[in-house]
Protein backbone atom coordinates (compact mmCIF):
# COMPACT_ATOMS: atom_id res chain seq x y z
CA MET A 1 -43.29 79.66 -8.02
CA ARG A 2 -44.94 78.38 -11.17
CA GLN A 3 -45.26 74.84 -9.74
CA ALA A 4 -46.82 76.19 -6.54
CA PHE A 5 -49.41 78.07 -8.62
CA LYS A 6 -50.25 74.90 -10.59
CA ALA A 7 -50.60 72.91 -7.37
CA PHE A 8 -52.87 75.60 -5.92
CA ILE A 9 -55.08 75.55 -9.04
CA ALA A 10 -55.25 71.71 -9.00
CA PHE A 11 -56.18 71.75 -5.32
CA GLY A 12 -58.90 74.34 -5.96
CA ILE A 13 -60.40 72.34 -8.83
CA ALA A 14 -60.38 69.15 -6.74
CA LEU A 15 -62.10 71.00 -3.90
CA LEU A 16 -64.82 72.29 -6.26
CA ILE A 17 -65.42 68.77 -7.57
CA VAL A 18 -65.74 67.40 -4.02
CA PHE A 19 -68.25 70.10 -3.08
CA ALA A 20 -70.28 69.52 -6.26
CA VAL A 21 -70.45 65.75 -5.70
CA ARG A 22 -71.38 66.26 -2.06
CA ALA A 23 -74.10 68.80 -2.89
CA TYR A 24 -75.72 67.08 -5.87
CA ALA A 25 -74.88 63.36 -5.79
CA PHE A 26 -74.07 61.95 -2.34
CA THR A 27 -74.09 63.30 1.17
CA ILE A 28 -73.52 61.96 4.67
CA TYR A 29 -76.39 62.30 7.13
CA THR A 30 -76.35 61.74 10.91
CA VAL A 31 -79.45 60.05 12.35
CA PRO A 32 -80.96 62.41 14.97
CA LEU A 33 -83.01 59.77 16.87
CA ASP A 34 -83.50 56.01 17.12
CA ILE A 35 -85.33 54.47 14.17
CA HIS A 36 -86.51 50.88 14.55
CA GLN A 37 -83.90 48.47 15.81
CA MET A 38 -81.64 49.11 12.80
CA LEU A 39 -80.58 52.70 13.28
CA ARG A 40 -79.49 54.39 16.47
CA ARG A 41 -78.94 58.02 17.23
CA GLY A 42 -75.54 59.00 15.85
CA ASP A 43 -75.43 56.45 13.01
CA ARG A 44 -74.03 57.80 9.77
CA VAL A 45 -75.85 57.04 6.53
CA MET A 46 -74.93 57.84 2.97
CA VAL A 47 -77.75 59.45 1.02
CA ASN A 48 -77.82 58.86 -2.73
CA ARG A 49 -79.46 62.01 -4.10
CA LEU A 50 -79.37 60.66 -7.65
CA SER A 51 -81.60 57.72 -6.76
CA GLN A 52 -85.01 59.16 -7.51
CA ALA A 53 -86.61 55.88 -8.57
CA ASN A 54 -89.79 54.84 -6.80
CA PRO A 55 -88.95 53.64 -3.30
CA LYS A 56 -89.97 50.15 -2.27
CA VAL A 57 -91.22 48.85 1.06
CA GLY A 58 -88.27 48.54 3.44
CA ASP A 59 -86.12 51.25 1.81
CA MET A 60 -84.65 53.91 4.07
CA VAL A 61 -85.11 57.42 2.73
CA VAL A 62 -84.19 60.89 3.92
CA PHE A 63 -86.92 63.49 3.45
CA ASN A 64 -87.16 67.21 4.00
CA ARG A 65 -89.92 68.90 6.01
CA GLY A 66 -88.11 72.03 7.09
CA VAL A 67 -85.55 69.72 8.71
CA GLN A 68 -84.18 66.53 7.25
CA LEU A 69 -85.50 63.32 8.78
CA ILE A 70 -84.96 59.66 7.97
CA GLY A 71 -87.59 56.94 7.78
CA ARG A 72 -88.33 53.48 6.44
CA VAL A 73 -90.98 53.06 3.74
CA GLU A 74 -93.85 50.95 5.10
CA ALA A 75 -96.65 51.55 2.58
CA LEU A 76 -96.79 52.56 -1.06
CA PRO A 77 -99.44 54.54 -2.95
CA GLY A 78 -102.57 52.40 -3.25
CA ASP A 79 -101.78 50.21 -0.21
CA THR A 80 -104.31 49.73 2.56
CA VAL A 81 -103.05 50.47 6.07
CA ARG A 82 -104.65 49.87 9.44
CA VAL A 83 -104.62 52.62 12.07
CA GLY A 84 -106.28 51.46 15.26
CA HIS A 85 -109.56 49.84 14.19
CA ASN A 86 -109.82 51.85 10.97
CA ARG A 87 -108.47 50.99 7.53
CA PHE A 88 -107.24 53.62 5.08
CA VAL A 89 -106.00 53.54 1.50
CA ILE A 90 -102.92 55.62 0.74
CA PRO A 91 -103.89 57.86 -2.22
CA GLU A 92 -102.26 57.33 -5.60
CA SER A 93 -101.90 61.11 -6.03
CA CYS A 94 -102.33 64.12 -3.77
CA CYS A 95 -105.37 65.57 -5.56
CA ASN A 96 -107.06 65.60 -8.95
CA ARG A 97 -105.88 69.14 -9.78
CA CYS A 98 -102.15 68.50 -9.36
CA CYS A 99 -100.13 67.95 -12.52
CA CYS A 100 -96.93 66.94 -10.76
CA PRO A 101 -95.88 63.39 -11.74
CA ASP A 102 -94.09 62.93 -8.37
CA CYS A 103 -97.09 63.87 -6.28
CA LYS A 104 -97.45 60.46 -4.62
CA LEU A 105 -97.73 59.72 -0.93
CA TYR A 106 -95.68 57.13 0.95
CA MET A 107 -96.13 56.07 4.57
CA LEU A 108 -92.84 56.13 6.46
CA ASN A 109 -91.98 54.90 9.92
CA ILE A 110 -89.82 57.60 11.48
CA GLY A 111 -89.16 56.02 14.83
CA THR A 112 -91.94 56.68 17.29
CA ARG A 113 -94.58 57.58 14.71
CA HIS A 114 -95.66 57.26 11.09
CA ALA A 115 -95.77 60.05 8.54
CA LEU A 116 -97.21 60.50 5.06
CA VAL A 117 -94.49 61.96 2.84
CA TYR A 118 -94.73 63.16 -0.75
CA LYS A 119 -92.20 61.76 -3.17
CA HIS A 120 -90.98 65.24 -4.09
CA GLN A 121 -90.06 65.80 -0.41
CA MET A 122 -87.65 62.85 -0.49
CA VAL A 123 -83.97 63.73 -0.73
CA GLY A 124 -82.80 60.22 -1.63
CA LYS A 125 -82.31 56.65 -0.52
CA ALA A 126 -80.07 56.03 2.47
CA ARG A 127 -77.61 53.25 3.33
CA ARG A 128 -76.07 52.76 6.75
CA LEU A 129 -72.34 53.38 6.90
CA PHE A 130 -71.13 53.32 10.51
CA HIS A 131 -71.89 54.41 14.07
CA LEU A 132 -69.94 56.88 16.15
CA PRO A 133 -70.83 56.74 19.85
CA PHE A 134 -70.69 60.52 20.37
């Protein structure tokens, strides 16, 4: 009886550690739609939530806008982008009044369109793991 209690406690502690790591360090994300030629719907990616360094062009990131989406960074703050016949500069910060150090905009390709995403909306960098066909 005593050994069963110890095993139950050890199992419970291990389960808590797994949930904590999954919630705060790494998580698995399923791609909801086709992104570029690299990712297909149903691909599994591992999201490193601890990686909050500045993303670089070409990095895949998961971001949160009510729902979690994945995209590839195409332009950094201060870069000039061309939309149609117009050219725009991605702002270095969101506004002059904001004191948030992470208030920078990045242009992401999220499949069929582009989106401007604040750094504080980013969950973490993503790496492709595998694809399940269902």
